[in-house]
C-alpha atoms as a PDB file:
ATOM      1  CA  MET A   1       1.430   8.411   1.181  1.00  0.00           C
ATOM      2  CA  ILE A   2       2.236   6.085  -1.740  1.00  0.00           C
ATOM      3  CA  GLY A   3       4.456   3.280  -1.985  1.00  0.00           C
ATOM      4  CA  ARG A   4       5.499  -0.301  -3.529  1.00  0.00           C
ATOM      5  CA  ILE A   5       5.330  -3.462  -1.758  1.00  0.00           C
ATOM      6  CA  THR A   6       8.991  -4.785  -1.389  1.00  0.00           C
ATOM      7  CA  GLN A   7       8.347  -7.830   0.790  1.00  0.00           C
ATOM      8  CA  LEU A   8       5.814 -10.193   1.734  1.00  0.00           C
ATOM      9  CA  SER A   9       5.938 -12.798   4.706  1.00  0.00           C
ATOM     10  CA  TYR A  10       3.067 -15.083   3.950  1.00  0.00           C
ATOM     11  CA  GLY A  11       3.428 -17.111   7.328  1.00  0.00           C
ATOM     12  CA  ARG A  12       3.261 -14.126   9.278  1.00  0.00           C
ATOM     13  CA  LEU A  13       0.582 -12.103   7.269  1.00  0.00           C
ATOM     14  CA  CYS A  14       2.801  -8.934   7.272  1.00  0.00           C
ATOM     15  CA  GLY A  15       5.218  -7.098   4.809  1.00  0.00           C
ATOM     16  CA  VAL A  16       7.298  -4.065   3.788  1.00  0.00           C
ATOM     17  CA  ILE A  17       6.475  -1.032   1.835  1.00  0.00           C
ATOM     18  CA  ARG A  18       8.804   1.265   0.390  1.00  0.00           C
ATOM     19  CA  SER A  19       7.404   4.939   0.160  1.00  0.00           C
ATOM     20  CA  SER A  20       8.042   7.356  -2.410  1.00  0.00           C
ATOM     21  CA  ASP A  21      10.144   9.224  -0.344  1.00  0.00           C
ATOM     22  CA  ARG A  22      12.291   6.064   0.200  1.00  0.00           C
ATOM     23  CA  GLN A  23      11.136   5.118   3.878  1.00  0.00           C
ATOM     24  CA  THR A  24      10.823   1.218   4.480  1.00  0.00           C
ATOM     25  CA  ILE A  25       7.555   0.812   6.246  1.00  0.00           C
ATOM     26  CA  PHE A  26       6.132  -2.469   8.046  1.00  0.00           C
ATOM     27  CA  PHE A  27       2.619  -3.247   7.550  1.00  0.00           C
ATOM     28  CA  HIS A  28       0.236  -6.152   8.754  1.00  0.00           C
ATOM     29  CA  ALA A  29      -2.612  -7.744   6.945  1.00  0.00           C
ATOM     30  CA  ARG A  30      -5.116  -6.403   9.327  1.00  0.00           C
ATOM     31  CA  ASP A  31      -4.597  -2.767   8.015  1.00  0.00           C
ATOM     32  CA  LEU A  32      -5.501  -3.701   4.602  1.00  0.00           C
ATOM     33  CA  GLU A  33      -8.680  -1.979   3.056  1.00  0.00           C
ATOM     34  CA  GLY A  34     -10.397  -3.379   0.043  1.00  0.00           C
ATOM     35  CA  ALA A  35      -7.878  -6.134  -0.719  1.00  0.00           C
ATOM     36  CA  ARG A  36      -6.895  -9.710   0.639  1.00  0.00           C
ATOM     37  CA  TYR A  37      -3.451 -10.174   1.760  1.00  0.00           C
ATOM     38  CA  ASN A  38      -3.005 -13.274  -0.545  1.00  0.00           C
ATOM     39  CA  ASP A  39      -3.815 -10.981  -3.691  1.00  0.00           C
ATOM     40  CA  LEU A  40      -0.854  -8.815  -3.000  1.00  0.00           C
ATOM     41  CA  LYS A  41       2.202  -8.850  -5.094  1.00  0.00           C
ATOM     42  CA  VAL A  42       5.696  -7.727  -4.535  1.00  0.00           C
ATOM     43  CA  GLY A  43       6.133  -4.338  -6.708  1.00  0.00           C
ATOM     44  CA  GLY A  44       2.596  -3.622  -6.181  1.00  0.00           C
ATOM     45  CA  SER A  45       1.450   0.029  -5.718  1.00  0.00           C
ATOM     46  CA  VAL A  46      -0.364   0.977  -2.556  1.00  0.00           C
ATOM     47  CA  SER A  47      -1.691   4.045  -0.986  1.00  0.00           C
ATOM     48  CA  PHE A  48      -1.569   4.300   2.887  1.00  0.00           C
ATOM     49  CA  GLU A  49      -1.464   6.248   5.918  1.00  0.00           C
ATOM     50  CA  LEU A  50       1.771   6.441   8.107  1.00  0.00           C
ATOM     51  CA  ILE A  51       1.155   5.907  11.752  1.00  0.00           C
ATOM     52  CA  ASP A  52       3.831   5.953  14.705  1.00  0.00           C
ATOM     53  CA  ASP A  53       3.150   2.848  16.891  1.00  0.00           C
ATOM     54  CA  GLN A  54       4.301   3.130  20.340  1.00  0.00           C
ATOM     55  CA  VAL A  55       5.478  -0.319  20.300  1.00  0.00           C
ATOM     56  CA  SER A  56       6.865  -1.166  16.909  1.00  0.00           C
ATOM     57  CA  GLY A  57       7.649   2.124  15.409  1.00  0.00           C
ATOM     58  CA  PRO A  58       6.214   3.552  12.200  1.00  0.00           C
ATOM     59  CA  ARG A  59       3.693   1.511  10.472  1.00  0.00           C
ATOM     60  CA  ALA A  60       1.363   1.572   7.404  1.00  0.00           C
ATOM     61  CA  ALA A  61      -2.534   1.724   8.082  1.00  0.00           C
ATOM     62  CA  SER A  62      -5.713   2.014   5.658  1.00  0.00           C
ATOM     63  CA  ILE A  63      -3.503   0.404   2.818  1.00  0.00           C
ATOM     64  CA  ARG A  64      -5.422   0.226  -0.386  1.00  0.00           C
ATOM     65  CA  VAL A  65      -3.953  -1.318  -3.494  1.00  0.00           C
ATOM     66  CA  THR A  66      -3.691   1.251  -6.376  1.00  0.00           C
ATOM     67  CA  PRO A  67      -3.555   0.673 -10.173  1.00  0.00           C
ATOM     68  CA  PRO A  68      -0.053   1.590 -11.463  1.00  0.00           C
ATOM     69  CA  ALA A  69       0.111   4.972 -13.467  1.00  0.00           C
ATOM     70  CA  LYS A  70       1.224   4.645 -17.012  1.00  0.00           C
ATOM     71  CA  ARG A  71       4.843   6.243 -17.456  1.00  0.00           C
ATOM     72  CA  GLY A  72       4.595   9.785 -18.493  1.00  0.00           C
ATOM     73  CA  PHE A  73       0.883  10.058 -17.908  1.00  0.00           C
ATOM     74  CA  PRO A  74      -0.768  11.274 -14.720  1.00  0.00           C
ATOM     75  CA  PRO A  75      -3.871   8.985 -13.468  1.00  0.00           C
ATOM     76  CA  ALA A  76      -7.128   9.436 -15.047  1.00  0.00           C
ATOM     77  CA  PRO A  77      -9.654  11.221 -13.036  1.00  0.00           C
ATOM     78  CA  ALA A  78     -12.750   9.272 -11.800  1.00  0.00           C
ATOM     79  CA  VAL A  79     -15.705   9.730 -13.825  1.00  0.00           C
ATOM     80  CA  GLN A  80     -19.119   9.329 -12.825  1.00  0.00           C
ATOM     81  CA  SER A  81     -22.074   8.265 -15.100  1.00  0.00           C
ATOM     82  CA  PRO A  82     -25.100  10.507 -15.286  1.00  0.00           C
ATOM     83  CA  GLY A  83     -28.080   9.180 -13.663  1.00  0.00           C
END
C-alpha cells in the first residue's frame, strides 16, 4: 500500500499514515525499513504492508519512505547500469 504521514509523535516514536484508500493507520518506528524516525516528515510519502495486530488493530509494517511522484507523470522505472 501507499500513503502519506499525517502525524508524528516524537516522544512515543509512533505516528499515523493516511493510505491512498483513505484509511487511518497507526505505525511505530520499529516498523521502518531503510529510514530513521527522526528523518520522517509530515506529508512524506511511504509504502507499507497493512497487518492486523490482534492487540491494537490495523498497523503499518515494513514502512519505506518513497520519493513523491511528480504530478501528471508516473514514477520513473529503475535503471541498472551495465557491468
